[in-house]
N, C-alpha and C. Protein backbone atom coordinates (compact mmCIF):
# COMPACT_ATOMS: atom_id res chain seq x y z
N MET A 1 42.64 -7.78 -45.00
CA MET A 1 43.08 -7.85 -46.46
C MET A 1 42.65 -5.86 -46.63
N GLN A 2 43.72 -5.26 -46.90
CA GLN A 2 43.80 -3.46 -47.75
C GLN A 2 43.19 -3.61 -48.54
N ARG A 3 41.80 -2.65 -48.93
CA ARG A 3 41.08 -2.70 -50.58
C ARG A 3 41.93 -1.16 -50.92
N SER A 4 42.28 -1.43 -52.37
CA SER A 4 42.99 -0.04 -53.01
C SER A 4 41.40 0.41 -53.82
N PHE A 5 41.92 1.31 -53.41
CA PHE A 5 40.55 2.42 -54.39
C PHE A 5 41.55 2.99 -55.93
N PRO A 6 40.84 2.58 -57.09
CA PRO A 6 41.25 3.76 -57.89
C PRO A 6 42.10 5.41 -57.45
N SER A 7 42.95 5.78 -58.07
CA SER A 7 43.37 7.11 -57.65
C SER A 7 42.45 7.88 -58.68
N SER A 8 42.53 9.16 -58.55
CA SER A 8 41.18 10.02 -58.81
C SER A 8 42.29 10.86 -59.31
N ARG A 9 43.58 11.17 -59.67
CA ARG A 9 44.60 11.06 -60.36
C ARG A 9 44.71 11.26 -61.50
N GLY A 10 44.32 11.70 -62.98
CA GLY A 10 45.13 10.93 -64.31
C GLY A 10 45.74 10.21 -64.29
N PRO A 11 46.69 10.05 -65.72
CA PRO A 11 47.70 9.63 -65.59
C PRO A 11 48.65 10.81 -66.01
N GLU A 12 50.39 10.27 -65.75
CA GLU A 12 51.21 10.97 -65.40
C GLU A 12 51.53 11.48 -67.14
N VAL A 13 52.52 12.53 -67.12
CA VAL A 13 52.77 12.34 -68.12
C VAL A 13 53.89 12.04 -68.56
N ALA A 14 55.14 11.95 -67.03
CA ALA A 14 56.05 10.67 -67.10
C ALA A 14 55.62 9.05 -68.01
N ASP A 15 54.96 8.45 -67.05
CA ASP A 15 54.18 7.49 -67.59
C ASP A 15 54.35 7.35 -68.72
N ALA A 16 53.73 8.20 -69.47
CA ALA A 16 53.03 8.74 -71.05
C ALA A 16 54.45 8.53 -72.33
N VAL A 17 55.18 9.43 -71.37
CA VAL A 17 57.10 9.16 -72.06
C VAL A 17 57.55 8.31 -72.49
N THR A 18 57.53 7.48 -70.92
CA THR A 18 58.33 6.39 -70.48
C THR A 18 57.83 5.03 -71.62
N HIS A 19 56.21 5.60 -71.23
CA HIS A 19 55.84 3.87 -72.71
C HIS A 19 56.16 3.93 -73.92
N ILE A 20 56.37 5.45 -74.12
CA ILE A 20 57.16 5.86 -75.72
C ILE A 20 57.85 5.49 -75.91
N TRP A 21 58.98 5.87 -74.99
CA TRP A 21 60.13 5.91 -74.94
C TRP A 21 60.33 4.16 -75.54
N GLN A 22 60.12 3.72 -74.74
CA GLN A 22 59.95 1.79 -74.51
C GLN A 22 59.66 1.51 -75.74
N VAL A 23 58.66 2.04 -75.95
CA VAL A 23 58.52 1.25 -77.82
C VAL A 23 58.57 1.57 -78.82
N LEU A 24 59.86 2.54 -78.87
CA LEU A 24 60.62 3.23 -79.68
C LEU A 24 61.68 2.49 -79.43
N GLY A 25 62.00 1.80 -78.16
CA GLY A 25 63.27 1.06 -78.08
C GLY A 25 64.66 2.18 -77.71
N LEU A 26 64.17 3.11 -77.01
CA LEU A 26 64.84 4.33 -77.00
C LEU A 26 64.97 4.49 -75.32
N SER A 27 65.97 4.61 -74.32
CA SER A 27 66.17 5.13 -72.98
C SER A 27 65.58 6.28 -72.69
N ALA A 28 65.20 6.08 -71.23
CA ALA A 28 64.20 7.85 -71.14
C ALA A 28 65.08 9.06 -71.53
N PRO A 29 64.05 9.69 -71.31
CA PRO A 29 64.62 11.17 -71.70
C PRO A 29 65.65 11.98 -70.74
N MET A 30 67.10 12.47 -70.77
CA MET A 30 67.75 12.64 -69.46
C MET A 30 66.81 14.52 -69.13
N GLU A 31 65.88 14.93 -69.54
CA GLU A 31 65.45 15.75 -68.81
C GLU A 31 64.47 15.66 -68.13
N PRO A 32 64.21 16.60 -67.26
CA PRO A 32 63.09 16.10 -66.16
C PRO A 32 61.59 16.32 -67.25
N ILE A 33 61.14 15.48 -66.85
CA ILE A 33 59.41 15.67 -66.86
C ILE A 33 58.39 15.69 -65.85
N GLY A 34 57.44 17.10 -66.55
CA GLY A 34 56.37 18.14 -65.24
C GLY A 34 55.57 17.21 -65.64
N ALA A 35 54.53 18.43 -65.91
CA ALA A 35 53.03 18.54 -66.11
C ALA A 35 53.32 18.51 -67.73
N ARG A 36 54.36 18.82 -68.37
CA ARG A 36 54.06 19.16 -70.07
C ARG A 36 55.62 18.29 -70.81
N PHE A 37 55.68 17.90 -71.80
CA PHE A 37 56.45 17.40 -72.28
C PHE A 37 57.10 17.24 -74.31
N ASP A 38 57.97 18.27 -74.24
CA ASP A 38 58.12 18.70 -75.43
C ASP A 38 58.77 17.90 -76.56
N PHE A 39 59.10 17.34 -77.18
CA PHE A 39 59.49 16.84 -78.24
C PHE A 39 59.51 16.46 -80.19
N GLU A 40 60.02 16.66 -80.32
CA GLU A 40 59.81 15.85 -82.11
C GLU A 40 59.66 14.37 -82.52
N LEU A 41 58.70 13.85 -83.26
CA LEU A 41 58.83 12.93 -83.72
C LEU A 41 58.23 12.99 -85.51
N GLU A 42 59.82 12.18 -86.42
CA GLU A 42 59.33 12.56 -87.58
C GLU A 42 59.62 13.68 -87.90
N ASP A 43 60.10 14.80 -87.52
CA ASP A 43 59.88 16.31 -87.55
C ASP A 43 58.79 16.92 -87.27
N THR A 44 58.44 16.28 -86.65
CA THR A 44 56.77 17.13 -86.07
C THR A 44 56.71 17.44 -84.44
N PRO A 45 56.49 19.09 -84.46
CA PRO A 45 56.50 19.33 -82.98
C PRO A 45 55.65 18.16 -81.98
N VAL A 46 55.69 17.70 -80.62
CA VAL A 46 54.44 16.89 -80.21
C VAL A 46 54.76 17.17 -79.08
N GLU A 47 53.89 18.30 -77.96
CA GLU A 47 53.53 18.16 -76.67
C GLU A 47 52.79 17.13 -75.76
N ILE A 48 53.00 16.75 -74.67
CA ILE A 48 52.55 15.59 -74.23
C ILE A 48 52.34 16.71 -72.61
N ALA A 49 50.62 17.48 -72.64
CA ALA A 49 50.34 17.77 -71.53
C ALA A 49 49.42 17.17 -70.89
N ARG A 50 49.38 17.40 -69.61
CA ARG A 50 48.01 16.99 -68.59
C ARG A 50 46.90 17.95 -68.79
N THR A 51 45.60 17.93 -68.75
CA THR A 51 45.09 18.06 -69.11
C THR A 51 44.52 19.59 -67.76
N PRO A 52 43.47 20.31 -67.95
CA PRO A 52 43.61 21.13 -66.95
C PRO A 52 42.53 20.75 -65.76
N ASP A 53 42.33 19.44 -66.07
CA ASP A 53 41.11 19.08 -64.16
C ASP A 53 42.66 18.25 -63.91
N GLY A 54 43.51 17.32 -64.86
CA GLY A 54 44.43 16.77 -64.21
C GLY A 54 43.81 15.27 -64.81
N ALA A 55 42.56 15.15 -65.09
CA ALA A 55 42.19 13.64 -64.98
C ALA A 55 42.65 13.15 -66.65
N ALA A 56 43.30 13.69 -67.32
CA ALA A 56 43.67 13.04 -68.97
C ALA A 56 44.96 13.83 -69.38
N LEU A 57 45.95 13.13 -70.42
CA LEU A 57 46.71 13.65 -70.96
C LEU A 57 46.36 14.17 -72.31
N ARG A 58 46.78 15.32 -72.97
CA ARG A 58 46.67 15.70 -74.35
C ARG A 58 47.87 15.73 -75.09
N ILE A 59 47.26 15.64 -76.05
CA ILE A 59 48.60 14.91 -76.96
C ILE A 59 48.60 15.79 -78.13
N THR A 60 49.31 16.59 -78.58
CA THR A 60 48.91 18.04 -79.58
C THR A 60 50.20 17.79 -80.31
N ALA A 61 50.10 17.70 -81.95
CA ALA A 61 51.62 17.01 -82.75
C ALA A 61 50.92 18.38 -83.84
N THR A 62 51.70 19.45 -84.14
CA THR A 62 51.67 20.87 -84.87
C THR A 62 51.50 19.75 -86.12
N LEU A 63 50.43 20.22 -87.30
CA LEU A 63 50.73 19.34 -88.29
C LEU A 63 51.34 20.48 -89.38
N GLY A 64 51.06 21.52 -89.53
CA GLY A 64 52.03 22.53 -90.63
C GLY A 64 51.04 24.21 -90.11
N HIS A 65 51.13 24.99 -91.73
CA HIS A 65 50.71 26.33 -91.31
C HIS A 65 50.05 26.67 -92.88
N LEU A 66 48.92 27.53 -92.11
CA LEU A 66 48.25 27.20 -93.89
C LEU A 66 48.65 29.34 -94.30
N ALA A 67 48.34 28.98 -95.61
CA ALA A 67 49.27 29.37 -96.26
C ALA A 67 49.04 31.38 -95.86
N GLY A 68 49.52 32.10 -96.25
CA GLY A 68 49.59 33.58 -96.29
C GLY A 68 47.82 34.06 -96.58
N ASP A 69 48.41 33.21 -97.97
CA ASP A 69 47.24 34.06 -99.06
C ASP A 69 45.81 33.71 -98.90
N PRO A 70 44.67 34.61 -98.74
CA PRO A 70 43.93 34.17 -97.78
C PRO A 70 42.92 33.27 -98.76
N HIS A 71 42.74 33.38 -100.29
CA HIS A 71 42.08 32.24 -100.78
C HIS A 71 42.57 31.35 -100.71
N LEU A 72 44.38 31.39 -100.82
CA LEU A 72 44.73 29.76 -100.52
C LEU A 72 44.24 29.09 -99.05
N CYS A 73 44.37 30.06 -98.78
CA CYS A 73 44.55 29.13 -96.58
C CYS A 73 42.50 29.23 -96.81
N GLU A 74 41.99 29.48 -97.36
CA GLU A 74 40.06 29.55 -97.05
C GLU A 74 40.09 28.13 -98.19
N ASP A 75 41.14 28.06 -98.89
CA ASP A 75 41.07 26.18 -99.99
C ASP A 75 41.55 25.44 -98.82
N GLN A 76 42.69 25.42 -97.94
CA GLN A 76 43.16 24.85 -97.24
C GLN A 76 42.15 24.52 -96.06
N LEU A 77 41.63 25.53 -95.46
CA LEU A 77 40.66 25.33 -94.31
C LEU A 77 39.54 24.22 -94.61
N SER A 78 38.93 24.53 -95.89
CA SER A 78 38.26 23.52 -96.61
C SER A 78 38.58 22.48 -96.44
N ARG A 79 39.90 22.12 -97.20
CA ARG A 79 40.29 20.63 -97.88
C ARG A 79 40.46 19.83 -96.06
N LEU A 80 40.80 20.97 -95.09
CA LEU A 80 41.14 20.10 -93.85
C LEU A 80 39.92 19.98 -93.03
N LEU A 81 38.93 20.61 -93.26
CA LEU A 81 38.00 20.18 -92.60
C LEU A 81 36.56 19.35 -92.88
N ARG A 82 36.98 19.15 -94.26
CA ARG A 82 36.79 17.65 -95.03
C ARG A 82 37.22 16.59 -95.13
N LEU A 83 38.55 16.89 -94.71
CA LEU A 83 39.53 15.89 -94.42
C LEU A 83 39.17 15.21 -93.22
N SER A 84 38.59 15.77 -91.53
CA SER A 84 38.47 15.76 -90.52
C SER A 84 37.46 14.86 -90.73
N LEU A 85 36.38 15.37 -91.53
CA LEU A 85 34.90 14.81 -91.53
C LEU A 85 35.49 13.26 -92.02
N ALA A 86 36.11 12.68 -92.90
CA ALA A 86 36.17 11.66 -93.84
C ALA A 86 37.47 10.78 -92.56
N LEU A 87 38.06 11.72 -91.64
CA LEU A 87 38.93 10.73 -91.38
C LEU A 87 38.10 10.13 -89.49
N VAL A 88 36.57 10.44 -88.91
CA VAL A 88 36.56 11.02 -88.18
C VAL A 88 36.02 9.35 -87.49
N GLY A 89 35.89 8.48 -88.43
CA GLY A 89 35.60 6.98 -88.13
C GLY A 89 36.51 6.14 -87.59
N VAL A 90 38.05 6.29 -88.55
CA VAL A 90 39.00 5.79 -88.06
C VAL A 90 40.36 6.66 -87.93
N ASN A 91 39.90 7.79 -87.08
CA ASN A 91 41.18 8.12 -86.30
C ASN A 91 40.61 9.50 -85.34
N ARG A 92 40.82 9.28 -84.07
CA ARG A 92 40.70 9.66 -82.76
C ARG A 92 40.75 11.13 -82.80
N ALA A 93 41.84 11.69 -83.36
CA ALA A 93 42.42 13.41 -83.42
C ALA A 93 41.52 14.32 -84.13
N VAL A 94 41.18 15.53 -83.37
CA VAL A 94 40.60 16.56 -83.53
C VAL A 94 41.51 17.22 -84.04
N LEU A 95 41.13 18.03 -85.30
CA LEU A 95 41.89 19.36 -85.51
C LEU A 95 41.82 20.33 -85.09
N SER A 96 42.75 21.31 -84.61
CA SER A 96 42.40 22.30 -83.65
C SER A 96 43.64 23.35 -83.93
N PHE A 97 42.85 24.91 -84.08
CA PHE A 97 43.50 26.11 -84.36
C PHE A 97 43.89 27.02 -82.92
N PRO A 98 44.63 27.71 -83.21
CA PRO A 98 45.38 28.42 -81.94
C PRO A 98 44.11 29.86 -81.74
N ALA A 99 44.99 30.43 -80.64
CA ALA A 99 43.66 31.47 -80.68
C ALA A 99 42.27 31.77 -81.05
N GLY A 100 41.33 31.32 -80.53
CA GLY A 100 40.14 31.65 -80.49
C GLY A 100 39.42 31.28 -81.58
N GLN A 101 38.35 30.73 -81.82
CA GLN A 101 37.63 29.34 -82.61
C GLN A 101 36.11 30.43 -82.81
N ASP A 102 36.35 31.76 -82.75
CA ASP A 102 34.97 32.83 -82.87
C ASP A 102 35.40 33.17 -84.48
N ALA A 103 33.81 33.94 -84.53
CA ALA A 103 33.62 34.62 -86.28
C ALA A 103 34.62 35.17 -86.51
N ALA A 104 35.21 36.33 -85.19
CA ALA A 104 36.29 37.18 -86.02
C ALA A 104 37.48 36.84 -85.87
N ARG A 105 37.59 35.80 -85.49
CA ARG A 105 39.35 34.51 -85.84
C ARG A 105 38.94 34.30 -87.21
N ILE A 106 38.31 33.89 -87.70
CA ILE A 106 37.76 33.63 -88.93
C ILE A 106 37.94 34.64 -90.06
N ALA A 107 37.00 35.65 -90.06
CA ALA A 107 37.35 36.66 -90.13
C ALA A 107 38.76 37.32 -90.48
N GLU A 108 39.55 37.08 -89.61
CA GLU A 108 40.96 37.24 -89.55
C GLU A 108 41.76 36.61 -90.13
N LEU A 109 41.46 35.65 -90.83
CA LEU A 109 42.26 34.89 -91.69
C LEU A 109 41.72 35.09 -93.22
N SER A 110 40.92 35.45 -93.16
CA SER A 110 40.09 35.98 -94.81
C SER A 110 40.84 37.42 -95.03
N ARG A 111 41.78 37.91 -94.62
CA ARG A 111 42.81 39.38 -94.65
C ARG A 111 44.07 38.82 -94.94
N PRO A 112 44.39 39.74 -96.34
CA PRO A 112 45.58 39.53 -97.03
C PRO A 112 46.89 39.87 -96.21
N ASP A 113 46.31 40.64 -94.62
CA ASP A 113 47.65 41.09 -94.37
C ASP A 113 48.06 39.90 -93.58
N HIS A 114 47.46 38.41 -93.33
CA HIS A 114 47.04 38.02 -91.88
C HIS A 114 48.48 37.03 -91.74
N ALA A 115 48.92 36.68 -90.35
CA ALA A 115 49.90 35.93 -90.19
C ALA A 115 49.94 34.32 -90.69
N PRO A 116 50.85 33.45 -91.02
CA PRO A 116 50.83 32.56 -91.28
C PRO A 116 50.01 32.01 -89.65
N GLU A 117 49.44 31.28 -90.32
CA GLU A 117 48.94 30.30 -88.72
C GLU A 117 49.01 28.64 -88.97
N ALA A 118 49.44 28.36 -87.45
CA ALA A 118 49.65 26.87 -87.28
C ALA A 118 48.36 26.22 -87.61
N VAL A 119 48.57 24.45 -87.58
CA VAL A 119 47.23 23.31 -87.75
C VAL A 119 47.95 22.55 -86.51
N TYR A 120 46.74 22.00 -85.77
CA TYR A 120 47.20 20.90 -84.52
C TYR A 120 46.56 19.95 -84.74
N ALA A 121 46.94 18.69 -84.49
CA ALA A 121 45.83 17.71 -84.14
C ALA A 121 46.22 17.48 -82.59
N GLU A 122 44.91 16.99 -81.98
CA GLU A 122 45.08 16.26 -80.75
C GLU A 122 44.22 15.37 -80.09
N ILE A 123 44.76 15.03 -78.65
CA ILE A 123 43.57 13.16 -79.00
C ILE A 123 44.21 13.63 -77.25
N VAL A 124 43.01 13.47 -76.83
CA VAL A 124 42.93 13.29 -75.03
C VAL A 124 42.54 11.93 -74.66
N ILE A 125 43.51 11.42 -73.81
CA ILE A 125 43.44 9.97 -73.57
C ILE A 125 43.52 9.74 -72.24
N ALA A 126 43.13 8.95 -71.63
CA ALA A 126 42.43 9.09 -70.01
C ALA A 126 43.59 7.83 -68.88
N GLU A 127 44.98 7.18 -70.42
CA GLU A 127 45.40 6.59 -69.56
C GLU A 127 47.10 6.01 -70.19
N ALA A 128 47.93 6.53 -69.62
CA ALA A 128 49.48 6.38 -70.41
C ALA A 128 49.70 5.26 -71.43
N ALA A 129 49.03 4.37 -71.06
CA ALA A 129 49.19 3.04 -71.97
C ALA A 129 48.87 3.43 -73.62
N GLU A 130 47.67 4.29 -73.55
CA GLU A 130 47.55 4.57 -74.90
C GLU A 130 48.17 5.85 -75.28
N ALA A 131 49.55 5.94 -74.90
CA ALA A 131 50.26 7.37 -75.31
C ALA A 131 50.88 6.35 -77.37
N VAL A 132 50.99 5.79 -77.29
CA VAL A 132 51.49 5.00 -78.33
C VAL A 132 50.36 5.14 -79.60
N GLU A 133 49.20 4.71 -79.74
CA GLU A 133 48.15 4.52 -80.80
C GLU A 133 48.29 5.74 -80.72
N ALA A 134 48.06 7.28 -79.59
CA ALA A 134 47.54 8.01 -80.56
C ALA A 134 49.02 8.75 -81.08
N LEU A 135 49.70 8.39 -80.46
CA LEU A 135 51.24 9.27 -81.27
C LEU A 135 50.79 8.64 -82.66
N ARG A 136 50.32 7.29 -83.17
CA ARG A 136 50.33 6.79 -84.33
C ARG A 136 49.14 7.46 -85.13
N GLU A 137 47.68 7.80 -84.77
CA GLU A 137 47.03 8.46 -85.49
C GLU A 137 47.20 10.15 -85.42
N LEU A 138 47.96 10.45 -84.13
CA LEU A 138 48.76 11.61 -84.80
C LEU A 138 49.31 12.15 -86.28
N MET A 139 50.07 10.93 -85.89
CA MET A 139 51.62 11.26 -87.69
C MET A 139 50.71 10.56 -88.68
N GLN A 140 49.08 9.88 -88.79
CA GLN A 140 48.27 9.76 -89.28
C GLN A 140 48.08 10.96 -90.46
N TRP A 141 47.21 11.51 -89.23
CA TRP A 141 46.61 13.12 -89.45
C TRP A 141 47.89 14.43 -90.46
N ARG A 142 49.28 14.01 -89.62
CA ARG A 142 50.16 14.79 -90.74
C ARG A 142 50.02 14.21 -91.71
N SER A 143 50.09 13.29 -91.94
CA SER A 143 50.67 12.62 -93.34
C SER A 143 49.63 12.87 -94.53
N PHE A 144 48.38 13.10 -93.82
CA PHE A 144 47.12 13.68 -95.13
C PHE A 144 47.47 15.12 -94.79
N ALA A 145 47.72 15.63 -93.92
CA ALA A 145 47.50 17.03 -93.86
C ALA A 145 48.60 17.06 -94.94
N GLY A 146 50.21 16.93 -94.79
CA GLY A 146 51.05 17.24 -95.34
C GLY A 146 50.59 17.71 -96.95
N ASP A 147 49.83 17.01 -97.82
CA ASP A 147 49.21 17.31 -98.78
C ASP A 147 48.73 18.49 -98.93
N LEU A 148 48.12 19.38 -98.11
CA LEU A 148 47.28 20.21 -98.31
C LEU A 148 48.10 21.72 -97.72
N ILE A 149 48.97 21.42 -96.61
CA ILE A 149 49.19 22.47 -95.69
C ILE A 149 51.03 22.43 -95.56
N ALA A 150 51.55 23.59 -95.79
CA ALA A 150 52.62 23.49 -95.49
C ALA A 150 53.47 22.78 -93.97
N PRO A 151 54.40 21.96 -94.51
CA PRO A 151 55.00 21.14 -92.76
C PRO A 151 55.66 21.98 -92.30
N VAL A 152 55.82 21.68 -91.04
CA VAL A 152 56.82 22.92 -90.26
C VAL A 152 58.26 22.86 -90.46
N GLY A 153 58.64 23.93 -90.43
CA GLY A 153 60.18 24.24 -90.98
C GLY A 153 59.95 24.67 -91.96
N GLN A 154 58.97 24.78 -92.90
CA GLN A 154 58.85 24.90 -94.72
C GLN A 154 57.56 26.67 -93.93
N SER A 155 58.43 27.49 -95.30
CA SER A 155 57.25 28.41 -95.29
C SER A 155 55.83 28.12 -95.66
N PRO A 156 54.93 28.55 -95.33
CA PRO A 156 53.98 28.69 -95.96
C PRO A 156 53.02 29.12 -96.92
N ASP A 157 53.81 29.88 -97.77
CA ASP A 157 53.92 30.01 -98.94
C ASP A 157 54.50 29.09 -99.76
N ALA A 158 55.39 27.72 -99.52
CA ALA A 158 56.02 26.94 -99.96
C ALA A 158 54.83 25.97 -100.31
N GLY A 159 53.99 25.96 -99.49
CA GLY A 159 52.75 25.31 -99.46
C GLY A 159 51.41 25.36 -101.02
N ALA A 160 51.34 26.97 -101.37
CA ALA A 160 51.00 27.24 -101.89
C ALA A 160 50.80 26.30 -103.29
N ALA A 161 52.41 26.13 -104.26
CA ALA A 161 52.15 25.23 -104.94
C ALA A 161 51.74 23.79 -104.76
N VAL A 162 51.50 23.87 -103.67
CA VAL A 162 50.92 22.16 -103.32
C VAL A 162 49.79 21.52 -103.40
N ALA A 163 48.91 22.82 -102.36
CA ALA A 163 47.32 23.04 -102.24
C ALA A 163 46.65 22.33 -103.31
N PRO A 164 46.38 23.31 -104.54
CA PRO A 164 45.53 22.89 -105.23
C PRO A 164 45.82 21.95 -105.76
N GLN A 165 46.92 20.72 -105.91
CA GLN A 165 47.21 19.77 -106.78
C GLN A 165 46.45 18.40 -105.84
N ALA A 166 46.66 18.82 -104.18
CA ALA A 166 45.88 18.21 -103.28
C ALA A 166 44.95 17.44 -103.83
N PRO A 167 44.56 15.82 -103.39
CA PRO A 167 43.53 14.98 -103.71
C PRO A 167 42.42 15.59 -102.29
N ASP A 168 41.19 15.35 -103.00
CA ASP A 168 40.03 15.86 -102.38
C ASP A 168 40.12 14.54 -101.07
N PRO A 169 40.10 15.33 -100.12
CA PRO A 169 39.43 13.95 -98.91
C PRO A 169 37.95 12.89 -99.44
N ALA A 170 37.03 14.19 -100.39
CA ALA A 170 36.33 13.25 -100.22
C ALA A 170 36.21 11.99 -101.26
N ASP A 171 37.67 11.88 -102.36
CA ASP A 171 37.86 11.38 -103.09
C ASP A 171 38.63 9.87 -102.38
N MET A 172 38.88 10.20 -101.70
CA MET A 172 39.94 9.70 -100.23
C MET A 172 39.26 7.78 -99.98
N VAL A 173 40.35 7.14 -99.75
CA VAL A 173 39.90 6.06 -99.54
C VAL A 173 40.77 5.18 -98.36
N ILE A 174 40.17 5.14 -97.33
CA ILE A 174 40.88 4.88 -96.18
C ILE A 174 40.79 3.15 -95.81
N PHE A 175 41.51 2.67 -95.20
CA PHE A 175 41.21 1.17 -95.26
C PHE A 175 41.83 1.27 -94.01
N GLN A 176 41.13 0.44 -92.72
CA GLN A 176 41.50 0.40 -91.23
C GLN A 176 41.71 -1.35 -91.27
N PRO A 177 42.81 -1.90 -90.77
CA PRO A 177 43.04 -3.46 -90.73
C PRO A 177 41.58 -3.83 -89.23
């Protein structure tokens, strides 16, 4: 009897994409799938990529963009961070920002001439079969963030009128089946 040992390699991007497409009832994508695959789900850009160590997959969704106005941007960041804390018990996705996480980067967002920043949510999964549930959680994050920031494809300053009227995450109640 030959014993098999689990592979030290992590899940493959192609397996995760195939699983997602099967659940959605779609035929496999025509383009080749490598170590990274980009697609859109409900007008939300999504990227599936192997982690640098190859042991897992990182699924990242672009939630939208922060406003160009520094005061509104600060309010949006504050609300997003509170929402992140409110969701921590029911959603594995984490909020992420590009290009550095140090104090200098945060200070740059306070300048009136800063470029609008994209906001992301991401989940790291150890098995391709987890991809569909991870996408559900990312889309949940996107739906909550849509009340706070401009969605992808909209001008970040278009979200300016929406953000002050958004509900405070501390007032939200999340029901989980």
